[in-house]
Amino acid sequence: MIIHSIVADEVIYAGIEDVQAPVEMWVNGIFMQVEAISDYEVKIVRVLSPELAPYLNDNHLPGQIIQLTRN
């Protein structure tokens, strides 16, 4: 990506080290990308299932927070 700006690179990229990439994992039998909020909570970023049903379920919308359980 090329950025044409008069703003210094240090300002544009400040804090980029703190950005975490989403993690792909199976949650409740559905493959999705999630961001960790805490040790036992994740926020859905994107559903990656080839099936239609997970996309139609309101519990799997991006932005929803899911409680993880310990095994």
PDB file of N, CA and C in Angstrom:
ATOM      1  N   MET A   1       0.847  -1.162   0.000  1.00  0.00           N
ATOM      2  CA  MET A   1       0.000   0.000   0.000  1.00  0.00           C
ATOM      3  C   MET A   1       0.899   1.234   0.000  1.00  0.00           C
ATOM      4  N   ILE A   2       0.530   2.203  -0.787  1.00  0.00           N
ATOM      5  CA  ILE A   2       1.265   3.461  -0.870  1.00  0.00           C
ATOM      6  C   ILE A   2       0.413   4.556  -0.243  1.00  0.00           C
ATOM      7  N   ILE A   3       1.029   5.314   0.653  1.00  0.00           N
ATOM      8  CA  ILE A   3       0.339   6.428   1.297  1.00  0.00           C
ATOM      9  C   ILE A   3       1.028   7.714   0.857  1.00  0.00           C
ATOM     10  N   HIS A   4       0.267   8.584   0.230  1.00  0.00           N
ATOM     11  CA  HIS A   4       0.782   9.900  -0.168  1.00  0.00           C
ATOM     12  C   HIS A   4       0.248  10.911   0.833  1.00  0.00           C
ATOM     13  N   SER A   5       1.123  11.399   1.709  1.00  0.00           N
ATOM     14  CA  SER A   5       0.681  12.297   2.764  1.00  0.00           C
ATOM     15  C   SER A   5       1.822  13.205   3.188  1.00  0.00           C
ATOM     16  N   ILE A   6       1.460  14.381   3.696  1.00  0.00           N
ATOM     17  CA  ILE A   6       2.479  15.277   4.241  1.00  0.00           C
ATOM     18  C   ILE A   6       2.753  14.961   5.708  1.00  0.00           C
ATOM     19  N   VAL A   7       1.969  14.046   6.277  1.00  0.00           N
ATOM     20  CA  VAL A   7       2.150  13.652   7.672  1.00  0.00           C
ATOM     21  C   VAL A   7       3.321  12.680   7.756  1.00  0.00           C
ATOM     22  N   ALA A   8       4.142  12.831   8.780  1.00  0.00           N
ATOM     23  CA  ALA A   8       5.320  11.983   8.956  1.00  0.00           C
ATOM     24  C   ALA A   8       4.919  10.519   9.178  1.00  0.00           C
ATOM     25  N   ASP A   9       5.753   9.604   8.698  1.00  0.00           N
ATOM     26  CA  ASP A   9       5.488   8.173   8.860  1.00  0.00           C
ATOM     27  C   ASP A   9       5.333   7.777  10.328  1.00  0.00           C
ATOM     28  N   GLU A  10       6.093   8.412  11.211  1.00  0.00           N
ATOM     29  CA  GLU A  10       6.025   8.084  12.635  1.00  0.00           C
ATOM     30  C   GLU A  10       4.636   8.365  13.210  1.00  0.00           C
ATOM     31  N   VAL A  11       3.986   9.396  12.693  1.00  0.00           N
ATOM     32  CA  VAL A  11       2.635   9.743  13.158  1.00  0.00           C
ATOM     33  C   VAL A  11       1.614   8.761  12.583  1.00  0.00           C
ATOM     34  N   ILE A  12       1.752   8.435  11.317  1.00  0.00           N
ATOM     35  CA  ILE A  12       0.809   7.535  10.657  1.00  0.00           C
ATOM     36  C   ILE A  12       0.850   6.147  11.282  1.00  0.00           C
ATOM     37  N   TYR A  13       2.042   5.651  11.534  1.00  0.00           N
ATOM     38  CA  TYR A  13       2.201   4.286  12.021  1.00  0.00           C
ATOM     39  C   TYR A  13       2.372   4.185  13.538  1.00  0.00           C
ATOM     40  N   ALA A  14       2.096   5.251  14.260  1.00  0.00           N
ATOM     41  CA  ALA A  14       2.224   5.218  15.722  1.00  0.00           C
ATOM     42  C   ALA A  14       1.223   4.215  16.303  1.00  0.00           C
ATOM     43  N   GLY A  15       1.708   3.310  17.130  1.00  0.00           N
ATOM     44  CA  GLY A  15       0.840   2.333  17.786  1.00  0.00           C
ATOM     45  C   GLY A  15       0.530   1.108  16.961  1.00  0.00           C
ATOM     46  N   ILE A  16       1.135   0.977  15.791  1.00  0.00           N
ATOM     47  CA  ILE A  16       0.825  -0.185  14.945  1.00  0.00           C
ATOM     48  C   ILE A  16       1.330  -1.485  15.570  1.00  0.00           C
ATOM     49  N   GLU A  17       2.307  -1.399  16.451  1.00  0.00           N
ATOM     50  CA  GLU A  17       2.821  -2.601  17.116  1.00  0.00           C
ATOM     51  C   GLU A  17       1.788  -3.202  18.057  1.00  0.00           C
ATOM     52  N   ASP A  18       0.855  -2.379  18.545  1.00  0.00           N
ATOM     53  CA  ASP A  18      -0.146  -2.844  19.499  1.00  0.00           C
ATOM     54  C   ASP A  18      -1.353  -3.497  18.839  1.00  0.00           C
ATOM     55  N   VAL A  19      -1.453  -3.416  17.523  1.00  0.00           N
ATOM     56  CA  VAL A  19      -2.597  -3.983  16.808  1.00  0.00           C
ATOM     57  C   VAL A  19      -2.409  -5.494  16.704  1.00  0.00           C
ATOM     58  N   GLN A  20      -3.433  -6.236  17.107  1.00  0.00           N
ATOM     59  CA  GLN A  20      -3.369  -7.689  17.041  1.00  0.00           C
ATOM     60  C   GLN A  20      -4.217  -8.187  15.878  1.00  0.00           C
ATOM     61  N   ALA A  21      -3.676  -9.117  15.127  1.00  0.00           N
ATOM     62  CA  ALA A  21      -4.420  -9.707  14.014  1.00  0.00           C
ATOM     63  C   ALA A  21      -5.464 -10.664  14.576  1.00  0.00           C
ATOM     64  N   PRO A  22      -6.617 -10.775  13.920  1.00  0.00           N
ATOM     65  CA  PRO A  22      -7.623 -11.739  14.371  1.00  0.00           C
ATOM     66  C   PRO A  22      -7.093 -13.164  14.282  1.00  0.00           C
ATOM     67  N   VAL A  23      -7.603 -14.019  15.159  1.00  0.00           N
ATOM     68  CA  VAL A  23      -7.209 -15.417  15.216  1.00  0.00           C
ATOM     69  C   VAL A  23      -8.338 -16.253  14.630  1.00  0.00           C
ATOM     70  N   GLU A  24      -7.990 -17.248  13.822  1.00  0.00           N
ATOM     71  CA  GLU A  24      -8.997 -18.150  13.281  1.00  0.00           C
ATOM     72  C   GLU A  24      -9.157 -19.330  14.229  1.00  0.00           C
ATOM     73  N   MET A  25     -10.407 -19.633  14.580  1.00  0.00           N
ATOM     74  CA  MET A  25     -10.656 -20.755  15.486  1.00  0.00           C
ATOM     75  C   MET A  25     -12.080 -21.263  15.318  1.00  0.00           C
ATOM     76  N   TRP A  26     -12.319 -22.462  15.823  1.00  0.00           N
ATOM     77  CA  TRP A  26     -13.647 -23.050  15.837  1.00  0.00           C
ATOM     78  C   TRP A  26     -14.330 -22.631  17.121  1.00  0.00           C
ATOM     79  N   VAL A  27     -15.492 -22.019  17.008  1.00  0.00           N
ATOM     80  CA  VAL A  27     -16.292 -21.621  18.170  1.00  0.00           C
ATOM     81  C   VAL A  27     -17.694 -22.179  17.965  1.00  0.00           C
ATOM     82  N   ASN A  28     -18.129 -23.009  18.892  1.00  0.00           N
ATOM     83  CA  ASN A  28     -19.460 -23.639  18.812  1.00  0.00           C
ATOM     84  C   ASN A  28     -19.672 -24.361  17.479  1.00  0.00           C
ATOM     85  N   GLY A  29     -18.617 -24.996  16.957  1.00  0.00           N
ATOM     86  CA  GLY A  29     -18.716 -25.755  15.720  1.00  0.00           C
ATOM     87  C   GLY A  29     -18.676 -24.925  14.460  1.00  0.00           C
ATOM     88  N   ILE A  30     -18.349 -23.640  14.562  1.00  0.00           N
ATOM     89  CA  ILE A  30     -18.308 -22.747  13.409  1.00  0.00           C
ATOM     90  C   ILE A  30     -16.921 -22.137  13.312  1.00  0.00           C
ATOM     91  N   PHE A  31     -16.346 -22.169  12.116  1.00  0.00           N
ATOM     92  CA  PHE A  31     -15.017 -21.602  11.895  1.00  0.00           C
ATOM     93  C   PHE A  31     -15.154 -20.103  11.697  1.00  0.00           C
ATOM     94  N   MET A  32     -14.413 -19.310  12.486  1.00  0.00           N
ATOM     95  CA  MET A  32     -14.518 -17.855  12.407  1.00  0.00           C
ATOM     96  C   MET A  32     -13.229 -17.182  12.839  1.00  0.00           C
ATOM     97  N   GLN A  33     -13.119 -15.913  12.512  1.00  0.00           N
ATOM     98  CA  GLN A  33     -12.020 -15.088  12.991  1.00  0.00           C
ATOM     99  C   GLN A  33     -12.510 -14.325  14.211  1.00  0.00           C
ATOM    100  N   VAL A  34     -11.694 -14.314  15.263  1.00  0.00           N
ATOM    101  CA  VAL A  34     -12.076 -13.643  16.502  1.00  0.00           C
ATOM    102  C   VAL A  34     -10.911 -12.820  17.030  1.00  0.00           C
ATOM    103  N   GLU A  35     -11.244 -11.818  17.843  1.00  0.00           N
ATOM    104  CA  GLU A  35     -10.248 -11.029  18.583  1.00  0.00           C
ATOM    105  C   GLU A  35     -10.421 -11.335  20.055  1.00  0.00           C
ATOM    106  N   ALA A  36      -9.328 -11.547  20.752  1.00  0.00           N
ATOM    107  CA  ALA A  36      -9.389 -11.814  22.187  1.00  0.00           C
ATOM    108  C   ALA A  36      -9.699 -10.524  22.937  1.00  0.00           C
ATOM    109  N   ILE A  37     -10.668 -10.606  23.837  1.00  0.00           N
ATOM    110  CA  ILE A  37     -11.003  -9.488  24.714  1.00  0.00           C
ATOM    111  C   ILE A  37     -10.398  -9.735  26.086  1.00  0.00           C
ATOM    112  N   SER A  38     -10.533 -10.956  26.568  1.00  0.00           N
ATOM    113  CA  SER A  38      -9.929 -11.385  27.822  1.00  0.00           C
ATOM    114  C   SER A  38      -9.574 -12.860  27.668  1.00  0.00           C
ATOM    115  N   ASP A  39      -9.193 -13.498  28.764  1.00  0.00           N
ATOM    116  CA  ASP A  39      -8.811 -14.909  28.690  1.00  0.00           C
ATOM    117  C   ASP A  39      -9.974 -15.809  28.275  1.00  0.00           C
ATOM    118  N   TYR A  40     -11.197 -15.418  28.599  1.00  0.00           N
ATOM    119  CA  TYR A  40     -12.348 -16.277  28.334  1.00  0.00           C
ATOM    120  C   TYR A  40     -13.430 -15.597  27.507  1.00  0.00           C
ATOM    121  N   GLU A  41     -13.095 -14.503  26.830  1.00  0.00           N
ATOM    122  CA  GLU A  41     -14.047 -13.814  25.963  1.00  0.00           C
ATOM    123  C   GLU A  41     -13.382 -13.458  24.647  1.00  0.00           C
ATOM    124  N   VAL A  42     -14.115 -13.657  23.560  1.00  0.00           N
ATOM    125  CA  VAL A  42     -13.644 -13.260  22.238  1.00  0.00           C
ATOM    126  C   VAL A  42     -14.756 -12.506  21.525  1.00  0.00           C
ATOM    127  N   LYS A  43     -14.367 -11.623  20.610  1.00  0.00           N
ATOM    128  CA  LYS A  43     -15.323 -10.874  19.798  1.00  0.00           C
ATOM    129  C   LYS A  43     -15.223 -11.375  18.365  1.00  0.00           C
ATOM    130  N   ILE A  44     -16.354 -11.676  17.752  1.00  0.00           N
ATOM    131  CA  ILE A  44     -16.378 -12.178  16.383  1.00  0.00           C
ATOM    132  C   ILE A  44     -15.994 -11.060  15.421  1.00  0.00           C
ATOM    133  N   VAL A  45     -15.032 -11.359  14.544  1.00  0.00           N
ATOM    134  CA  VAL A  45     -14.624 -10.428  13.497  1.00  0.00           C
ATOM    135  C   VAL A  45     -15.274 -10.834  12.182  1.00  0.00           C
ATOM    136  N   ARG A  46     -15.229 -12.147  11.872  1.00  0.00           N
ATOM    137  CA  ARG A  46     -15.756 -12.625  10.595  1.00  0.00           C
ATOM    138  C   ARG A  46     -16.079 -14.111  10.698  1.00  0.00           C
ATOM    139  N   VAL A  47     -17.186 -14.516  10.130  1.00  0.00           N
ATOM    140  CA  VAL A  47     -17.544 -15.931  10.038  1.00  0.00           C
ATOM    141  C   VAL A  47     -16.938 -16.467   8.755  1.00  0.00           C
ATOM    142  N   LEU A  48     -16.275 -17.630   8.846  1.00  0.00           N
ATOM    143  CA  LEU A  48     -15.590 -18.209   7.694  1.00  0.00           C
ATOM    144  C   LEU A  48     -16.211 -19.528   7.244  1.00  0.00           C
ATOM    145  N   SER A  49     -17.399 -19.816   7.662  1.00  0.00           N
ATOM    146  CA  SER A  49     -18.060 -21.079   7.358  1.00  0.00           C
ATOM    147  C   SER A  49     -18.558 -21.110   5.916  1.00  0.00           C
ATOM    148  N   PRO A  50     -18.432 -22.263   5.247  1.00  0.00           N
ATOM    149  CA  PRO A  50     -19.010 -22.383   3.910  1.00  0.00           C
ATOM    150  C   PRO A  50     -20.522 -22.619   3.948  1.00  0.00           C
ATOM    151  N   GLU A  51     -21.058 -22.905   5.127  1.00  0.00           N
ATOM    152  CA  GLU A  51     -22.487 -23.143   5.289  1.00  0.00           C
ATOM    153  C   GLU A  51     -23.232 -21.818   5.431  1.00  0.00           C
ATOM    154  N   LEU A  52     -24.494 -21.788   5.065  1.00  0.00           N
ATOM    155  CA  LEU A  52     -25.308 -20.581   5.140  1.00  0.00           C
ATOM    156  C   LEU A  52     -25.869 -20.323   6.539  1.00  0.00           C
ATOM    157  N   ALA A  53     -26.200 -21.371   7.261  1.00  0.00           N
ATOM    158  CA  ALA A  53     -26.880 -21.244   8.555  1.00  0.00           C
ATOM    159  C   ALA A  53     -26.146 -20.339   9.560  1.00  0.00           C
ATOM    160  N   PRO A  54     -24.817 -20.433   9.721  1.00  0.00           N
ATOM    161  CA  PRO A  54     -24.151 -19.547  10.693  1.00  0.00           C
ATOM    162  C   PRO A  54     -24.309 -18.061  10.378  1.00  0.00           C
ATOM    163  N   TYR A  55     -24.413 -17.715   9.103  1.00  0.00           N
ATOM    164  CA  TYR A  55     -24.569 -16.311   8.717  1.00  0.00           C
ATOM    165  C   TYR A  55     -25.952 -15.782   9.064  1.00  0.00           C
ATOM    166  N   LEU A  56     -26.925 -16.670   9.129  1.00  0.00           N
ATOM    167  CA  LEU A  56     -28.300 -16.269   9.419  1.00  0.00           C
ATOM    168  C   LEU A  56     -28.601 -16.253  10.910  1.00  0.00           C
ATOM    169  N   ASN A  57     -27.703 -16.785  11.723  1.00  0.00           N
ATOM    170  CA  ASN A  57     -27.894 -16.839  13.172  1.00  0.00           C
ATOM    171  C   ASN A  57     -27.413 -15.522  13.792  1.00  0.00           C
ATOM    172  N   ASP A  58     -28.302 -14.837  14.504  1.00  0.00           N
ATOM    173  CA  ASP A  58     -27.947 -13.553  15.123  1.00  0.00           C
ATOM    174  C   ASP A  58     -26.862 -13.671  16.177  1.00  0.00           C
ATOM    175  N   ASN A  59     -26.641 -14.864  16.720  1.00  0.00           N
ATOM    176  CA  ASN A  59     -25.596 -15.061  17.727  1.00  0.00           C
ATOM    177  C   ASN A  59     -24.195 -15.069  17.121  1.00  0.00           C
ATOM    178  N   HIS A  60     -24.098 -15.125  15.806  1.00  0.00           N
ATOM    179  CA  HIS A  60     -22.792 -15.193  15.146  1.00  0.00           C
ATOM    180  C   HIS A  60     -22.496 -13.965  14.309  1.00  0.00           C
ATOM    181  N   LEU A  61     -23.145 -12.851  14.585  1.00  0.00           N
ATOM    182  CA  LEU A  61     -22.879 -11.617  13.854  1.00  0.00           C
ATOM    183  C   LEU A  61     -21.538 -11.013  14.282  1.00  0.00           C
ATOM    184  N   PRO A  62     -20.801 -10.400  13.366  1.00  0.00           N
ATOM    185  CA  PRO A  62     -19.570  -9.710  13.754  1.00  0.00           C
ATOM    186  C   PRO A  62     -19.854  -8.671  14.838  1.00  0.00           C
ATOM    187  N   GLY A  63     -18.973  -8.644  15.832  1.00  0.00           N
ATOM    188  CA  GLY A  63     -19.140  -7.735  16.956  1.00  0.00           C
ATOM    189  C   GLY A  63     -19.720  -8.413  18.193  1.00  0.00           C
ATOM    190  N   GLN A  64     -20.321  -9.598  18.010  1.00  0.00           N
ATOM    191  CA  GLN A  64     -20.873 -10.329  19.150  1.00  0.00           C
ATOM    192  C   GLN A  64     -19.736 -10.843  20.023  1.00  0.00           C
ATOM    193  N   ILE A  65     -19.955 -10.836  21.316  1.00  0.00           N
ATOM    194  CA  ILE A  65     -18.964 -11.343  22.261  1.00  0.00           C
ATOM    195  C   ILE A  65     -19.385 -12.724  22.713  1.00  0.00           C
ATOM    196  N   ILE A  66     -18.432 -13.656  22.665  1.00  0.00           N
ATOM    197  CA  ILE A  66     -18.698 -15.047  23.010  1.00  0.00           C
ATOM    198  C   ILE A  66     -17.867 -15.422  24.223  1.00  0.00           C
ATOM    199  N   GLN A  67     -18.501 -16.085  25.177  1.00  0.00           N
ATOM    200  CA  GLN A  67     -17.834 -16.594  26.374  1.00  0.00           C
ATOM    201  C   GLN A  67     -17.218 -17.948  26.034  1.00  0.00           C
ATOM    202  N   LEU A  68     -15.946 -18.141  26.269  1.00  0.00           N
ATOM    203  CA  LEU A  68     -15.288 -19.425  26.056  1.00  0.00           C
ATOM    204  C   LEU A  68     -15.296 -20.209  27.357  1.00  0.00           C
ATOM    205  N   THR A  69     -15.346 -21.513  27.235  1.00  0.00           N
ATOM    206  CA  THR A  69     -15.327 -22.372  28.431  1.00  0.00           C
ATOM    207  C   THR A  69     -14.020 -23.142  28.480  1.00  0.00           C
ATOM    208  N   ARG A  70     -13.622 -23.476  29.678  1.00  0.00           N
ATOM    209  CA  ARG A  70     -12.410 -24.283  29.860  1.00  0.00           C
ATOM    210  C   ARG A  70     -12.761 -25.746  29.680  1.00  0.00           C
ATOM    211  N   ASN A  71     -11.843 -26.497  29.075  1.00  0.00           N
ATOM    212  CA  ASN A  71     -12.049 -27.948  28.918  1.00  0.00           C
ATOM    213  C   ASN A  71     -11.342 -28.697  29.982  1.00  0.00           C
TER     214      ASN A  71
END
